[in-house]
C-alpha atoms as a PDB file:
ATOM      1  CA  MET A   1      94.680-128.351  79.963  1.00  0.00           C
ATOM      2  CA  GLY A   2      95.119-128.881  83.710  1.00  0.00           C
ATOM      3  CA  PHE A   3      99.155-127.296  83.881  1.00  0.00           C
ATOM      4  CA  ARG A   4      97.127-124.739  81.357  1.00  0.00           C
ATOM      5  CA  PHE A   5      95.054-123.742  84.499  1.00  0.00           C
ATOM      6  CA  PHE A   6      97.766-124.514  86.992  1.00  0.00           C
ATOM      7  CA  ALA A   7     100.109-121.917  84.908  1.00  0.00           C
ATOM      8  CA  THR A   8      97.748-119.250  84.573  1.00  0.00           C
ATOM      9  CA  GLY A   9      96.954-119.821  88.410  1.00  0.00           C
ATOM     10  CA  LEU A  10     100.575-119.464  89.371  1.00  0.00           C
ATOM     11  CA  MET A  11     100.562-116.029  87.471  1.00  0.00           C
ATOM     12  CA  VAL A  12      97.800-114.979  88.655  1.00  0.00           C
ATOM     13  CA  ALA A  13      99.110-115.440  92.189  1.00  0.00           C
ATOM     14  CA  VAL A  14     101.701-114.451  91.666  1.00  0.00           C
ATOM     15  CA  LEU A  15     100.983-111.180  90.070  1.00  0.00           C
ATOM     16  CA  SER A  16      98.848-110.760  92.672  1.00  0.00           C
ATOM     17  CA  SER A  17     101.450-111.656  95.336  1.00  0.00           C
ATOM     18  CA  GLY A  18     102.761-108.550  94.631  1.00  0.00           C
ATOM     19  CA  ALA A  19     105.794-110.566  93.371  1.00  0.00           C
ATOM     20  CA  PHE A  20     106.503-107.885  90.246  1.00  0.00           C
ATOM     21  CA  GLN A  21     105.212-104.882  91.936  1.00  0.00           C
ATOM     22  CA  ALA A  22     109.434-104.374  92.099  1.00  0.00           C
ATOM     23  CA  LEU A  23     109.575-103.669  88.684  1.00  0.00           C
ATOM     24  CA  ALA A  24     106.803-101.551  88.651  1.00  0.00           C
ATOM     25  CA  MET A  25     106.931 -97.442  89.242  1.00  0.00           C
ATOM     26  CA  ASP A  26     105.434 -96.174  91.426  1.00  0.00           C
ATOM     27  CA  ALA A  27     101.947 -94.800  90.614  1.00  0.00           C
ATOM     28  CA  ALA A  28     102.635 -91.556  92.734  1.00  0.00           C
ATOM     29  CA  SER A  29     104.665 -90.616  90.183  1.00  0.00           C
ATOM     30  CA  VAL A  30     102.276 -91.810  87.416  1.00  0.00           C
ATOM     31  CA  PRO A  31     101.735 -87.536  85.606  1.00  0.00           C
ATOM     32  CA  GLU A  32      98.296 -88.059  85.739  1.00  0.00           C
ATOM     33  CA  ALA A  33      97.662 -87.654  81.877  1.00  0.00           C
ATOM     34  CA  LYS A  34      99.248 -90.791  82.524  1.00  0.00           C
ATOM     35  CA  ARG A  35      97.046 -92.524  84.574  1.00  0.00           C
ATOM     36  CA  THR A  36      94.963 -95.772  84.029  1.00  0.00           C
ATOM     37  CA  THR A  37      92.178 -97.055  85.554  1.00  0.00           C
ATOM     38  CA  LEU A  38      94.498-100.253  86.520  1.00  0.00           C
ATOM     39  CA  GLY A  39      97.089 -98.420  87.913  1.00  0.00           C
ATOM     40  CA  LEU A  40      99.383-100.572  86.083  1.00  0.00           C
ATOM     41  CA  TYR A  41     102.535 -98.778  85.407  1.00  0.00           C
ATOM     42  CA  LEU A  42     106.112 -99.594  84.283  1.00  0.00           C
ATOM     43  CA  GLY A  43     109.372 -97.377  82.902  1.00  0.00           C
ATOM     44  CA  SER A  44     110.550 -98.832  79.471  1.00  0.00           C
ATOM     45  CA  GLU A  45     113.831 -99.549  80.705  1.00  0.00           C
ATOM     46  CA  GLU A  46     111.658-101.894  83.109  1.00  0.00           C
ATOM     47  CA  VAL A  47     109.620-104.292  79.849  1.00  0.00           C
ATOM     48  CA  PRO A  48     112.500-107.167  79.818  1.00  0.00           C
ATOM     49  CA  GLY A  49     112.962-107.813  83.233  1.00  0.00           C
ATOM     50  CA  PHE A  50     109.290-107.454  84.399  1.00  0.00           C
ATOM     51  CA  LEU A  51     108.498-109.674  80.665  1.00  0.00           C
ATOM     52  CA  SER A  52     111.294-112.205  80.967  1.00  0.00           C
ATOM     53  CA  PRO A  53     110.035-114.285  84.001  1.00  0.00           C
ATOM     54  CA  LEU A  54     106.537-114.838  82.312  1.00  0.00           C
ATOM     55  CA  GLN A  55     108.090-117.419  78.801  1.00  0.00           C
ATOM     56  CA  GLY A  56     106.078-115.622  76.597  1.00  0.00           C
ATOM     57  CA  LYS A  57     103.089-115.616  78.614  1.00  0.00           C
ATOM     58  CA  ALA A  58     102.207-111.960  78.088  1.00  0.00           C
ATOM     59  CA  LEU A  59     101.351-109.856  74.965  1.00  0.00           C
ATOM     60  CA  PHE A  60     103.448-106.392  74.583  1.00  0.00           C
ATOM     61  CA  LEU A  61     101.688-104.510  72.129  1.00  0.00           C
ATOM     62  CA  ASP A  62     103.210-101.565  70.451  1.00  0.00           C
ATOM     63  CA  VAL A  63      99.648 -99.069  70.094  1.00  0.00           C
ATOM     64  CA  ARG A  64     101.729 -96.283  67.615  1.00  0.00           C
ATOM     65  CA  THR A  65     100.144 -95.644  64.532  1.00  0.00           C
ATOM     66  CA  PRO A  66     101.883 -98.078  61.333  1.00  0.00           C
ATOM     67  CA  ALA A  67     103.081 -94.753  60.349  1.00  0.00           C
ATOM     68  CA  GLU A  68     104.800 -94.004  63.151  1.00  0.00           C
ATOM     69  CA  VAL A  69     106.280 -97.578  63.381  1.00  0.00           C
ATOM     70  CA  ALA A  70     107.480 -97.585  59.831  1.00  0.00           C
ATOM     71  CA  LEU A  71     109.785 -94.487  60.240  1.00  0.00           C
ATOM     72  CA  VAL A  72     110.403 -94.298  63.815  1.00  0.00           C
ATOM     73  CA  GLY A  73     111.334 -98.123  64.270  1.00  0.00           C
ATOM     74  CA  MET A  74     109.692-100.382  66.794  1.00  0.00           C
ATOM     75  CA  ALA A  75     110.376-102.453  70.009  1.00  0.00           C
ATOM     76  CA  GLN A  76     111.681-106.014  68.675  1.00  0.00           C
ATOM     77  CA  LEU A  77     110.108-107.580  71.807  1.00  0.00           C
ATOM     78  CA  ALA A  78     106.846-106.396  71.193  1.00  0.00           C
ATOM     79  CA  ASP A  79     104.652-108.846  69.543  1.00  0.00           C
ATOM     80  CA  ALA A  80     103.048-106.613  67.426  1.00  0.00           C
ATOM     81  CA  ASN A  81     101.615-103.142  65.816  1.00  0.00           C
ATOM     82  CA  VAL A  82      98.057-102.190  67.486  1.00  0.00           C
ATOM     83  CA  PRO A  83      97.158 -99.067  66.890  1.00  0.00           C
ATOM     84  CA  ILE A  84      94.801 -97.368  69.503  1.00  0.00           C
ATOM     85  CA  LEU A  85      94.333 -93.864  67.087  1.00  0.00           C
ATOM     86  CA  LEU A  86      95.054 -94.114  63.228  1.00  0.00           C
ATOM     87  CA  GLY A  87      96.055 -91.370  60.948  1.00  0.00           C
ATOM     88  CA  PRO A  88      97.324 -88.227  60.612  1.00  0.00           C
ATOM     89  CA  SER A  89      93.952 -87.474  59.196  1.00  0.00           C
ATOM     90  CA  SER A  90      94.194 -83.887  57.037  1.00  0.00           C
ATOM     91  CA  THR A  91      92.244 -82.072  59.392  1.00  0.00           C
ATOM     92  CA  PHE A  92      95.022 -79.979  61.547  1.00  0.00           C
ATOM     93  CA  ASP A  93      94.729 -79.746  65.429  1.00  0.00           C
ATOM     94  CA  GLU A  94      96.000 -75.909  65.974  1.00  0.00           C
ATOM     95  CA  VAL A  95      95.846 -76.618  69.885  1.00  0.00           C
ATOM     96  CA  LYS A  96      98.956 -80.030  69.185  1.00  0.00           C
ATOM     97  CA  GLY A  97     100.222 -78.221  66.092  1.00  0.00           C
ATOM     98  CA  THR A  98      99.897 -81.495  64.155  1.00  0.00           C
ATOM     99  CA  PHE A  99      97.235 -83.814  62.441  1.00  0.00           C
ATOM    100  CA  LYS A 100      94.475 -85.341  64.372  1.00  0.00           C
ATOM    101  CA  LEU A 101      94.663 -88.901  64.903  1.00  0.00           C
ATOM    102  CA  ALA A 102      91.212 -90.934  64.728  1.00  0.00           C
ATOM    103  CA  PRO A 103      89.965 -93.867  66.751  1.00  0.00           C
ATOM    104  CA  ASN A 104      90.955 -97.407  64.841  1.00  0.00           C
ATOM    105  CA  PRO A 105      87.449 -99.476  65.409  1.00  0.00           C
ATOM    106  CA  ASP A 106      89.179-102.478  64.811  1.00  0.00           C
ATOM    107  CA  PHE A 107      91.660-101.773  68.076  1.00  0.00           C
ATOM    108  CA  LEU A 108      90.124-104.626  70.407  1.00  0.00           C
ATOM    109  CA  ALA A 109      88.762-107.565  68.175  1.00  0.00           C
ATOM    110  CA  GLU A 110      92.780-106.499  66.906  1.00  0.00           C
ATOM    111  CA  ALA A 111      94.177-106.530  70.614  1.00  0.00           C
ATOM    112  CA  GLU A 112      91.779-110.676  71.206  1.00  0.00           C
ATOM    113  CA  ARG A 113      92.628-111.670  67.987  1.00  0.00           C
ATOM    114  CA  ARG A 114      96.644-110.883  69.169  1.00  0.00           C
ATOM    115  CA  LEU A 115      95.728-112.322  72.005  1.00  0.00           C
ATOM    116  CA  ALA A 116      94.196-115.889  71.080  1.00  0.00           C
ATOM    117  CA  GLY A 117      97.065-115.976  69.009  1.00  0.00           C
ATOM    118  CA  LYS A 118      99.217-116.455  72.010  1.00  0.00           C
ATOM    119  CA  GLY A 119      96.902-118.696  73.620  1.00  0.00           C
ATOM    120  CA  LEU A 120      96.875-116.300  76.284  1.00  0.00           C
ATOM    121  CA  THR A 121      93.366-115.169  77.528  1.00  0.00           C
ATOM    122  CA  LYS A 122      92.203-112.098  78.942  1.00  0.00           C
ATOM    123  CA  ASP A 123      93.339-112.343  82.542  1.00  0.00           C
ATOM    124  CA  ASP A 124      97.643-112.307  80.888  1.00  0.00           C
ATOM    125  CA  VAL A 125      99.241-109.727  80.903  1.00  0.00           C
ATOM    126  CA  VAL A 126      99.498-107.656  78.387  1.00  0.00           C
ATOM    127  CA  VAL A 127     102.276-104.161  78.164  1.00  0.00           C
ATOM    128  CA  VAL A 128     100.678-101.497  75.828  1.00  0.00           C
ATOM    129  CA  MET A 129     103.629 -98.842  74.683  1.00  0.00           C
ATOM    130  CA  CYS A 130     103.140 -95.566  72.589  1.00  0.00           C
ATOM    131  CA  ARG A 131     105.389 -92.947  71.972  1.00  0.00           C
ATOM    132  CA  SER A 132     105.835 -91.256  75.004  1.00  0.00           C
ATOM    133  CA  GLY A 133     103.129 -92.278  76.916  1.00  0.00           C
ATOM    134  CA  ASP A 134     100.175 -90.588  76.653  1.00  0.00           C
ATOM    135  CA  ARG A 135      98.205 -92.832  73.932  1.00  0.00           C
ATOM    136  CA  SER A 136      98.803 -95.684  76.354  1.00  0.00           C
ATOM    137  CA  PRO A 137      96.902 -94.997  78.615  1.00  0.00           C
ATOM    138  CA  ILE A 138      94.306 -94.816  76.599  1.00  0.00           C
ATOM    139  CA  ALA A 139      94.438 -98.041  74.967  1.00  0.00           C
ATOM    140  CA  ALA A 140      94.414 -99.959  78.363  1.00  0.00           C
ATOM    141  CA  ASN A 141      91.759 -98.283  79.737  1.00  0.00           C
ATOM    142  CA  ALA A 142      89.898 -99.668  76.900  1.00  0.00           C
ATOM    143  CA  LEU A 143      90.922-102.865  77.053  1.00  0.00           C
ATOM    144  CA  ALA A 144      90.372-103.243  80.661  1.00  0.00           C
ATOM    145  CA  LYS A 145      86.748-101.483  79.684  1.00  0.00           C
ATOM    146  CA  ALA A 146      86.664-105.101  77.660  1.00  0.00           C
ATOM    147  CA  GLY A 147      88.089-106.975  80.601  1.00  0.00           C
ATOM    148  CA  PHE A 148      91.486-107.347  80.296  1.00  0.00           C
ATOM    149  CA  SER A 149      92.975-107.701  84.109  1.00  0.00           C
ATOM    150  CA  HIS A 150      96.005-106.734  84.064  1.00  0.00           C
ATOM    151  CA  VAL A 151      97.197-104.108  81.277  1.00  0.00           C
ATOM    152  CA  TRP A 152     100.024-102.512  81.929  1.00  0.00           C
ATOM    153  CA  SER A 153     101.168 -99.402  80.876  1.00  0.00           C
ATOM    154  CA  VAL A 154     104.810 -98.403  79.274  1.00  0.00           C
ATOM    155  CA  VAL A 155     104.968 -94.336  80.573  1.00  0.00           C
ATOM    156  CA  ASP A 156     107.825 -92.825  79.605  1.00  0.00           C
ATOM    157  CA  GLY A 157     107.157 -94.949  75.563  1.00  0.00           C
ATOM    158  CA  PHE A 158     109.154 -95.532  72.528  1.00  0.00           C
ATOM    159  CA  GLU A 159     110.683 -92.574  71.913  1.00  0.00           C
ATOM    160  CA  GLY A 160     110.305 -90.546  75.410  1.00  0.00           C
ATOM    161  CA  ASP A 161     108.933 -87.472  77.090  1.00  0.00           C
ATOM    162  CA  LEU A 162     110.363 -84.219  76.003  1.00  0.00           C
ATOM    163  CA  ALA A 163     113.365 -81.761  77.609  1.00  0.00           C
ATOM    164  CA  LYS A 164     111.856 -78.965  79.091  1.00  0.00           C
ATOM    165  CA  ASP A 165     115.113 -76.973  78.746  1.00  0.00           C
ATOM    166  CA  GLY A 166     119.167 -77.268  78.599  1.00  0.00           C
ATOM    167  CA  PRO A 167     119.666 -77.561  74.000  1.00  0.00           C
ATOM    168  CA  ASP A 168     117.716 -80.498  73.466  1.00  0.00           C
ATOM    169  CA  ALA A 169     114.532 -78.459  74.927  1.00  0.00           C
ATOM    170  CA  GLY A 170     111.939 -80.251  72.285  1.00  0.00           C
ATOM    171  CA  HIS A 171     113.189 -82.621  71.510  1.00  0.00           C
ATOM    172  CA  ARG A 172     112.387 -86.598  72.612  1.00  0.00           C
ATOM    173  CA  VAL A 173     115.400 -86.930  74.955  1.00  0.00           C
ATOM    174  CA  VAL A 174     114.622 -87.743  78.023  1.00  0.00           C
ATOM    175  CA  ASN A 175     113.847 -91.233  78.321  1.00  0.00           C
ATOM    176  CA  GLY A 176     111.983 -93.623  76.493  1.00  0.00           C
ATOM    177  CA  TRP A 177     112.273 -96.833  74.564  1.00  0.00           C
ATOM    178  CA  LYS A 178     114.628 -95.641  71.997  1.00  0.00           C
ATOM    179  CA  ASN A 179     116.716 -93.712  74.896  1.00  0.00           C
ATOM    180  CA  LYS A 180     117.450 -96.041  77.247  1.00  0.00           C
ATOM    181  CA  GLY A 181     119.397 -98.411  74.417  1.00  0.00           C
ATOM    182  CA  LEU A 182     117.121-101.191  74.740  1.00  0.00           C
ATOM    183  CA  PRO A 183     116.998-102.943  71.024  1.00  0.00           C
ATOM    184  CA  TRP A 184     114.797-101.946  68.782  1.00  0.00           C
ATOM    185  CA  GLY A 185     114.750-102.203  64.558  1.00  0.00           C
ATOM    186  CA  TYR A 186     113.844 -99.838  61.786  1.00  0.00           C
ATOM    187  CA  ARG A 187     113.441-103.382  59.722  1.00  0.00           C
ATOM    188  CA  LEU A 188     109.985-104.946  60.482  1.00  0.00           C
ATOM    189  CA  ASP A 189     107.918-108.060  60.356  1.00  0.00           C
ATOM    190  CA  LYS A 190     105.314-107.686  58.696  1.00  0.00           C
ATOM    191  CA  ALA A 191     103.509-110.646  60.422  1.00  0.00           C
ATOM    192  CA  LYS A 192     103.547-107.917  63.833  1.00  0.00           C
ATOM    193  CA  MET A 193     102.112-105.213  62.099  1.00  0.00           C
ATOM    194  CA  TYR A 194      98.850-103.977  61.457  1.00  0.00           C
ATOM    195  CA  GLN A 195      96.202-104.009  58.839  1.00  0.00           C
ATOM    196  CA  ALA A 196      93.512-103.337  57.630  1.00  0.00           C
ATOM    197  CA  ALA A 197      91.174-104.752  56.503  1.00  0.00           C
ATOM    198  CA  GLU A 198      90.027-103.991  52.339  1.00  0.00           C
END
């Protein structure tokens, strides 16, 4: 108990001192749509180096839908798939040109369960990653509102941003976990996957 308190206190002191700021992205460089209330951001290639010194005292969540994870793959370093949105539904979103996703009513409960499963608290580090950094701010803000104090959003996500021009225009080739060559795979670990209660 004493060691846990010391270790947690040390980690909070290190985070507060800005020791990790060298790894973190400058908030001013983050597009407005990808900003969070806590203002803590990482690029995908920064995540392994950010997590390593924490020696497992952090929770890394993939917040994409289970279908995305199954079809596109998952980062090997992620602790769990805890989707912030579920779907797709059969309702088409004319503006986005895709099927609509719905909020996951189990998101907070599942995130808290995964946190407790690692022996962590809401004061420990949580890293959230989605496809391209559009949903991870939603997840980060929901967690912050629920009392999580160190939630970092991966700005470029698993697949990265769309190229705006050139031969790859409209394809996710700009950045992102996969494009940076970070460890990932299609074979999923059942224990890491979100499974809605029946």
